[in-house]
């Protein structure tokens, strides 16, 4: 259990082919807080819902290994928020919790995320 407490996690957020990476939550263990903002370009949702998904991949930096370690992932479907934002000019989804799962799809905790969509002129 010591390795979990000593985690230095970060999150890779992906929307389509766009990616952003959070800062590393050094020494925050199992309850990291990022409170960061990222911008993604989105188009009117006219296809299947799975194309309109934010993917959150939680990683742990490992100085002793030559690669970082996958901790878990969560998915947030945003098709309805985008459609509403395009129609109204802006749409928000307050803080909500999303399940984080391991590669074998077992539950590993939760991540809290808020979303705002603003239409660019």
N, C-alpha and C. Protein backbone atom coordinates (compact mmCIF):
# COMPACT_ATOMS: atom_id res chain seq x y z
N UNK A 1 0.80 -1.20 0.00
CA UNK A 1 0.00 0.00 0.00
C UNK A 1 0.85 1.27 0.00
N UNK A 2 2.09 1.20 0.41
CA UNK A 2 2.92 2.40 0.45
C UNK A 2 3.04 3.07 -0.91
N UNK A 3 3.08 2.26 -1.97
CA UNK A 3 3.27 2.87 -3.29
C UNK A 3 2.08 3.74 -3.67
N UNK A 4 0.87 3.40 -3.21
CA UNK A 4 -0.31 4.21 -3.52
C UNK A 4 -0.23 5.55 -2.80
N UNK A 5 0.15 5.54 -1.55
CA UNK A 5 0.24 6.77 -0.77
C UNK A 5 1.31 7.70 -1.35
N UNK A 6 2.37 7.14 -1.91
CA UNK A 6 3.47 7.94 -2.43
C UNK A 6 3.33 8.26 -3.92
N UNK A 7 2.15 8.07 -4.44
CA UNK A 7 1.93 8.35 -5.86
C UNK A 7 2.15 9.82 -6.18
N UNK A 8 2.60 10.06 -7.39
CA UNK A 8 2.72 11.40 -7.94
C UNK A 8 1.93 11.39 -9.25
N UNK A 9 0.59 11.42 -9.15
CA UNK A 9 -0.25 11.23 -10.33
C UNK A 9 -0.42 12.48 -11.18
N UNK A 10 -0.77 12.24 -12.42
CA UNK A 10 -1.18 13.29 -13.34
C UNK A 10 -2.25 12.69 -14.25
N UNK A 11 -2.94 13.54 -14.99
CA UNK A 11 -4.01 13.07 -15.85
C UNK A 11 -3.75 13.52 -17.29
N UNK A 12 -3.93 12.59 -18.21
CA UNK A 12 -3.90 12.91 -19.63
C UNK A 12 -5.36 12.95 -20.08
N UNK A 13 -5.80 14.11 -20.56
CA UNK A 13 -7.18 14.29 -20.98
C UNK A 13 -7.20 14.31 -22.50
N UNK A 14 -8.03 13.47 -23.10
CA UNK A 14 -8.06 13.37 -24.56
C UNK A 14 -9.49 13.55 -25.06
N UNK A 15 -9.62 14.35 -26.11
CA UNK A 15 -10.89 14.52 -26.82
C UNK A 15 -10.57 14.38 -28.30
N UNK A 16 -10.99 13.27 -28.89
CA UNK A 16 -10.60 13.00 -30.27
C UNK A 16 -9.10 12.87 -30.37
N UNK A 17 -8.48 13.64 -31.27
CA UNK A 17 -7.01 13.59 -31.39
C UNK A 17 -6.32 14.71 -30.61
N UNK A 18 -7.07 15.45 -29.79
CA UNK A 18 -6.50 16.51 -28.97
C UNK A 18 -6.18 15.98 -27.57
N UNK A 19 -5.02 16.35 -27.05
CA UNK A 19 -4.62 15.89 -25.72
C UNK A 19 -4.07 17.05 -24.90
N UNK A 20 -4.34 17.00 -23.60
CA UNK A 20 -3.74 17.92 -22.64
C UNK A 20 -3.30 17.08 -21.45
N UNK A 21 -2.27 17.54 -20.77
CA UNK A 21 -1.76 16.84 -19.60
C UNK A 21 -1.76 17.77 -18.41
N UNK A 22 -2.28 17.29 -17.30
CA UNK A 22 -2.31 18.08 -16.07
C UNK A 22 -0.90 18.18 -15.48
N UNK A 23 -0.78 18.99 -14.47
CA UNK A 23 0.46 19.01 -13.71
C UNK A 23 0.53 17.75 -12.86
N UNK A 24 1.68 17.46 -12.33
CA UNK A 24 1.86 16.31 -11.45
C UNK A 24 1.45 16.72 -10.04
N UNK A 25 0.58 15.93 -9.43
CA UNK A 25 0.12 16.20 -8.06
C UNK A 25 1.12 15.55 -7.10
N UNK A 26 2.26 16.19 -6.95
CA UNK A 26 3.35 15.61 -6.15
C UNK A 26 2.95 15.42 -4.70
N UNK A 27 3.17 14.19 -4.22
CA UNK A 27 2.95 13.87 -2.82
C UNK A 27 1.51 13.91 -2.36
N UNK A 28 0.54 13.96 -3.27
CA UNK A 28 -0.86 14.04 -2.85
C UNK A 28 -1.50 12.66 -2.67
N UNK A 29 -0.76 11.60 -2.92
CA UNK A 29 -1.24 10.25 -2.65
C UNK A 29 -2.53 9.89 -3.35
N UNK A 30 -3.48 9.34 -2.58
CA UNK A 30 -4.72 8.81 -3.16
C UNK A 30 -5.81 9.86 -3.33
N UNK A 31 -5.58 11.10 -2.92
CA UNK A 31 -6.59 12.16 -3.02
C UNK A 31 -6.03 13.39 -3.74
N UNK A 32 -5.52 13.22 -4.95
CA UNK A 32 -4.93 14.37 -5.65
C UNK A 32 -5.99 15.38 -6.08
N UNK A 33 -5.59 16.65 -6.14
CA UNK A 33 -6.46 17.72 -6.61
C UNK A 33 -5.70 18.49 -7.67
N UNK A 34 -6.33 18.68 -8.83
CA UNK A 34 -5.67 19.42 -9.91
C UNK A 34 -6.30 20.80 -10.10
N UNK A 35 -7.60 20.88 -10.20
CA UNK A 35 -8.31 22.15 -10.38
C UNK A 35 -7.71 22.97 -11.52
N UNK A 36 -7.58 22.35 -12.67
CA UNK A 36 -6.99 22.99 -13.84
C UNK A 36 -8.02 23.11 -14.95
N UNK A 37 -7.78 24.04 -15.87
CA UNK A 37 -8.68 24.25 -17.00
C UNK A 37 -7.96 23.92 -18.29
N UNK A 38 -8.68 23.27 -19.20
CA UNK A 38 -8.15 22.93 -20.52
C UNK A 38 -9.18 23.28 -21.57
N UNK A 39 -8.72 23.65 -22.75
CA UNK A 39 -9.63 23.98 -23.85
C UNK A 39 -9.46 22.96 -24.97
N UNK A 40 -10.61 22.53 -25.50
CA UNK A 40 -10.65 21.62 -26.64
C UNK A 40 -11.55 22.22 -27.71
N UNK A 41 -11.21 22.01 -28.96
CA UNK A 41 -12.08 22.41 -30.06
C UNK A 41 -13.09 21.29 -30.30
N UNK A 42 -14.36 21.68 -30.48
CA UNK A 42 -15.42 20.69 -30.72
C UNK A 42 -16.32 21.19 -31.84
N UNK A 43 -16.89 20.25 -32.57
CA UNK A 43 -17.82 20.57 -33.64
C UNK A 43 -19.21 20.07 -33.27
N UNK A 44 -20.20 20.53 -34.04
CA UNK A 44 -21.57 20.09 -33.77
C UNK A 44 -21.65 18.57 -33.83
N UNK A 45 -22.20 17.96 -32.79
CA UNK A 45 -22.29 16.50 -32.77
C UNK A 45 -23.34 15.97 -33.74
N UNK A 46 -22.86 15.35 -34.79
CA UNK A 46 -23.79 14.80 -35.78
C UNK A 46 -23.57 13.31 -36.01
N UNK A 47 -22.73 12.72 -35.23
CA UNK A 47 -22.44 11.29 -35.39
C UNK A 47 -22.77 10.53 -34.13
N UNK A 48 -22.15 9.39 -34.00
CA UNK A 48 -22.38 8.54 -32.84
C UNK A 48 -21.79 9.16 -31.58
N UNK A 49 -22.43 8.91 -30.44
CA UNK A 49 -22.04 9.50 -29.17
C UNK A 49 -20.64 9.19 -28.71
N UNK A 50 -20.11 8.01 -29.07
CA UNK A 50 -18.79 7.63 -28.58
C UNK A 50 -17.69 8.54 -29.14
N UNK A 51 -17.98 9.25 -30.23
CA UNK A 51 -16.99 10.17 -30.80
C UNK A 51 -16.86 11.43 -29.94
N UNK A 52 -17.85 11.70 -29.09
CA UNK A 52 -17.89 12.91 -28.28
C UNK A 52 -17.63 12.55 -26.82
N UNK A 53 -16.42 12.10 -26.58
CA UNK A 53 -16.05 11.59 -25.27
C UNK A 53 -14.74 12.21 -24.82
N UNK A 54 -14.71 12.62 -23.56
CA UNK A 54 -13.46 13.00 -22.93
C UNK A 54 -12.92 11.76 -22.23
N UNK A 55 -11.69 11.44 -22.47
CA UNK A 55 -11.04 10.30 -21.83
C UNK A 55 -10.02 10.83 -20.84
N UNK A 56 -10.11 10.40 -19.60
CA UNK A 56 -9.17 10.79 -18.55
C UNK A 56 -8.33 9.58 -18.19
N UNK A 57 -7.04 9.64 -18.53
CA UNK A 57 -6.11 8.54 -18.19
C UNK A 57 -5.25 9.02 -17.03
N UNK A 58 -5.39 8.37 -15.90
CA UNK A 58 -4.63 8.74 -14.71
C UNK A 58 -3.34 7.93 -14.70
N UNK A 59 -2.24 8.65 -14.60
CA UNK A 59 -0.91 8.04 -14.66
C UNK A 59 -0.14 8.39 -13.40
N UNK A 60 0.88 7.61 -13.10
CA UNK A 60 1.75 7.87 -11.96
C UNK A 60 3.19 7.98 -12.47
N UNK A 61 3.85 9.07 -12.12
CA UNK A 61 5.24 9.23 -12.54
C UNK A 61 6.11 8.27 -11.73
N UNK A 62 7.02 7.62 -12.42
CA UNK A 62 7.91 6.65 -11.79
C UNK A 62 9.35 6.98 -12.13
N UNK A 63 10.09 7.49 -11.18
CA UNK A 63 11.49 7.84 -11.42
C UNK A 63 12.36 6.60 -11.57
N UNK A 64 11.99 5.51 -10.88
CA UNK A 64 12.81 4.31 -10.91
C UNK A 64 12.61 3.48 -12.18
N UNK A 65 11.47 3.68 -12.83
CA UNK A 65 11.19 2.95 -14.07
C UNK A 65 11.47 3.85 -15.25
N UNK A 66 11.56 3.28 -16.42
CA UNK A 66 11.79 4.10 -17.62
C UNK A 66 10.48 4.54 -18.26
N UNK A 67 9.36 4.31 -17.57
CA UNK A 67 8.05 4.74 -18.08
C UNK A 67 7.11 5.01 -16.91
N UNK A 68 6.08 5.82 -17.16
CA UNK A 68 5.07 6.08 -16.14
C UNK A 68 4.08 4.92 -16.11
N UNK A 69 3.36 4.82 -15.00
CA UNK A 69 2.48 3.68 -14.78
C UNK A 69 1.02 4.10 -14.89
N UNK A 70 0.24 3.33 -15.64
CA UNK A 70 -1.20 3.55 -15.77
C UNK A 70 -1.88 3.23 -14.45
N UNK A 71 -2.69 4.17 -13.95
CA UNK A 71 -3.41 3.97 -12.70
C UNK A 71 -4.87 3.60 -12.98
N UNK A 72 -5.50 4.29 -13.91
CA UNK A 72 -6.89 4.01 -14.25
C UNK A 72 -7.39 5.03 -15.25
N UNK A 73 -8.64 4.83 -15.71
CA UNK A 73 -9.19 5.77 -16.67
C UNK A 73 -10.68 5.96 -16.43
N UNK A 74 -11.17 7.08 -16.94
CA UNK A 74 -12.58 7.40 -16.83
C UNK A 74 -13.02 8.05 -18.13
N UNK A 75 -14.29 7.86 -18.48
CA UNK A 75 -14.84 8.43 -19.71
C UNK A 75 -16.01 9.34 -19.36
N UNK A 76 -16.08 10.45 -20.09
CA UNK A 76 -17.16 11.41 -19.91
C UNK A 76 -17.73 11.72 -21.29
N UNK A 77 -19.00 11.35 -21.51
CA UNK A 77 -19.63 11.60 -22.80
C UNK A 77 -20.22 13.01 -22.81
N UNK A 78 -19.86 13.79 -23.83
CA UNK A 78 -20.18 15.22 -23.83
C UNK A 78 -21.05 15.66 -25.02
N UNK A 79 -21.60 14.73 -25.75
CA UNK A 79 -22.38 15.07 -26.94
C UNK A 79 -23.53 16.02 -26.61
N UNK A 80 -24.30 15.72 -25.57
CA UNK A 80 -25.45 16.56 -25.22
C UNK A 80 -25.02 17.95 -24.76
N UNK A 81 -23.92 18.04 -24.03
CA UNK A 81 -23.43 19.35 -23.56
C UNK A 81 -22.99 20.19 -24.75
N UNK A 82 -22.32 19.59 -25.70
CA UNK A 82 -21.88 20.32 -26.90
C UNK A 82 -23.10 20.80 -27.69
N UNK A 83 -24.06 19.92 -27.92
CA UNK A 83 -25.26 20.29 -28.68
C UNK A 83 -26.01 21.43 -27.99
N UNK A 84 -26.15 21.35 -26.68
CA UNK A 84 -26.82 22.41 -25.92
C UNK A 84 -26.04 23.71 -25.99
N UNK A 85 -24.73 23.62 -25.88
CA UNK A 85 -23.88 24.81 -25.94
C UNK A 85 -23.94 25.49 -27.29
N UNK A 86 -24.01 24.72 -28.34
CA UNK A 86 -24.12 25.29 -29.69
C UNK A 86 -25.48 25.98 -29.85
N UNK A 87 -26.51 25.36 -29.32
CA UNK A 87 -27.86 25.92 -29.43
C UNK A 87 -28.02 27.20 -28.59
N UNK A 88 -27.47 27.19 -27.36
CA UNK A 88 -27.68 28.30 -26.44
C UNK A 88 -26.50 29.27 -26.34
N UNK A 89 -25.38 28.90 -26.95
CA UNK A 89 -24.18 29.73 -26.86
C UNK A 89 -23.26 29.34 -25.72
N UNK A 90 -23.81 28.65 -24.72
CA UNK A 90 -23.00 28.20 -23.58
C UNK A 90 -23.75 27.09 -22.86
N UNK A 91 -23.02 26.13 -22.34
CA UNK A 91 -23.60 25.06 -21.53
C UNK A 91 -22.59 24.64 -20.48
N UNK A 92 -23.08 24.33 -19.31
CA UNK A 92 -22.20 23.90 -18.22
C UNK A 92 -22.71 22.62 -17.60
N UNK A 93 -21.78 21.84 -17.15
CA UNK A 93 -22.08 20.63 -16.40
C UNK A 93 -21.30 20.80 -15.10
N UNK A 94 -22.00 20.96 -14.00
CA UNK A 94 -21.34 21.15 -12.70
C UNK A 94 -20.48 19.96 -12.33
N UNK A 95 -19.83 20.07 -11.21
CA UNK A 95 -18.94 18.99 -10.76
C UNK A 95 -19.73 17.70 -10.61
N UNK A 96 -19.23 16.67 -11.25
CA UNK A 96 -19.84 15.34 -11.17
C UNK A 96 -18.73 14.31 -11.02
N UNK A 97 -19.05 13.20 -10.37
CA UNK A 97 -18.08 12.13 -10.18
C UNK A 97 -18.24 11.08 -11.27
N UNK A 98 -17.09 10.62 -11.76
CA UNK A 98 -17.05 9.58 -12.78
C UNK A 98 -16.19 8.44 -12.28
N UNK A 99 -16.63 7.22 -12.58
CA UNK A 99 -15.92 6.02 -12.12
C UNK A 99 -14.57 5.90 -12.83
N UNK A 100 -13.55 5.59 -12.07
CA UNK A 100 -12.23 5.29 -12.62
C UNK A 100 -12.09 3.78 -12.60
N UNK A 101 -11.72 3.22 -13.75
CA UNK A 101 -11.56 1.77 -13.84
C UNK A 101 -10.14 1.41 -14.28
N UNK A 102 -9.73 0.22 -13.89
CA UNK A 102 -8.43 -0.31 -14.29
C UNK A 102 -8.54 -0.89 -15.69
N UNK A 103 -7.44 -1.39 -16.22
CA UNK A 103 -7.47 -1.98 -17.56
C UNK A 103 -8.41 -3.18 -17.66
N UNK A 104 -8.57 -3.91 -16.56
CA UNK A 104 -9.48 -5.06 -16.58
C UNK A 104 -10.93 -4.65 -16.25
N UNK A 105 -11.18 -3.33 -16.21
CA UNK A 105 -12.51 -2.73 -15.99
C UNK A 105 -13.01 -2.85 -14.56
N UNK A 106 -12.14 -3.19 -13.61
CA UNK A 106 -12.55 -3.20 -12.21
C UNK A 106 -12.50 -1.77 -11.67
N UNK A 107 -13.39 -1.49 -10.74
CA UNK A 107 -13.53 -0.18 -10.13
C UNK A 107 -12.29 0.19 -9.33
N UNK A 108 -11.80 1.44 -9.52
CA UNK A 108 -10.60 1.87 -8.82
C UNK A 108 -10.78 3.20 -8.10
N UNK A 109 -11.99 3.75 -8.08
CA UNK A 109 -12.24 5.03 -7.42
C UNK A 109 -13.02 5.96 -8.32
N UNK A 110 -12.93 7.26 -8.02
CA UNK A 110 -13.68 8.25 -8.77
C UNK A 110 -12.83 9.47 -9.06
N UNK A 111 -13.22 10.19 -10.11
CA UNK A 111 -12.61 11.47 -10.43
C UNK A 111 -13.76 12.47 -10.58
N UNK A 112 -13.60 13.65 -10.01
CA UNK A 112 -14.61 14.70 -10.11
C UNK A 112 -14.23 15.66 -11.20
N UNK A 113 -15.19 15.96 -12.07
CA UNK A 113 -14.92 16.80 -13.24
C UNK A 113 -16.09 17.77 -13.44
N UNK A 114 -15.77 19.00 -13.83
CA UNK A 114 -16.78 19.98 -14.25
C UNK A 114 -16.46 20.35 -15.69
N UNK A 115 -17.49 20.76 -16.44
CA UNK A 115 -17.31 21.06 -17.85
C UNK A 115 -18.11 22.29 -18.22
N UNK A 116 -17.50 23.16 -19.01
CA UNK A 116 -18.21 24.31 -19.57
C UNK A 116 -17.93 24.34 -21.06
N UNK A 117 -18.98 24.59 -21.84
CA UNK A 117 -18.84 24.70 -23.28
C UNK A 117 -19.24 26.12 -23.67
N UNK A 118 -18.39 26.81 -24.40
CA UNK A 118 -18.68 28.16 -24.87
C UNK A 118 -18.51 28.19 -26.37
N UNK A 119 -19.52 28.70 -27.05
CA UNK A 119 -19.50 28.78 -28.51
C UNK A 119 -18.60 29.93 -28.94
N UNK A 120 -17.66 29.63 -29.83
CA UNK A 120 -16.81 30.68 -30.41
C UNK A 120 -17.52 31.28 -31.61
N UNK A 121 -17.42 32.57 -31.74
CA UNK A 121 -18.08 33.25 -32.88
C UNK A 121 -17.22 33.15 -34.12
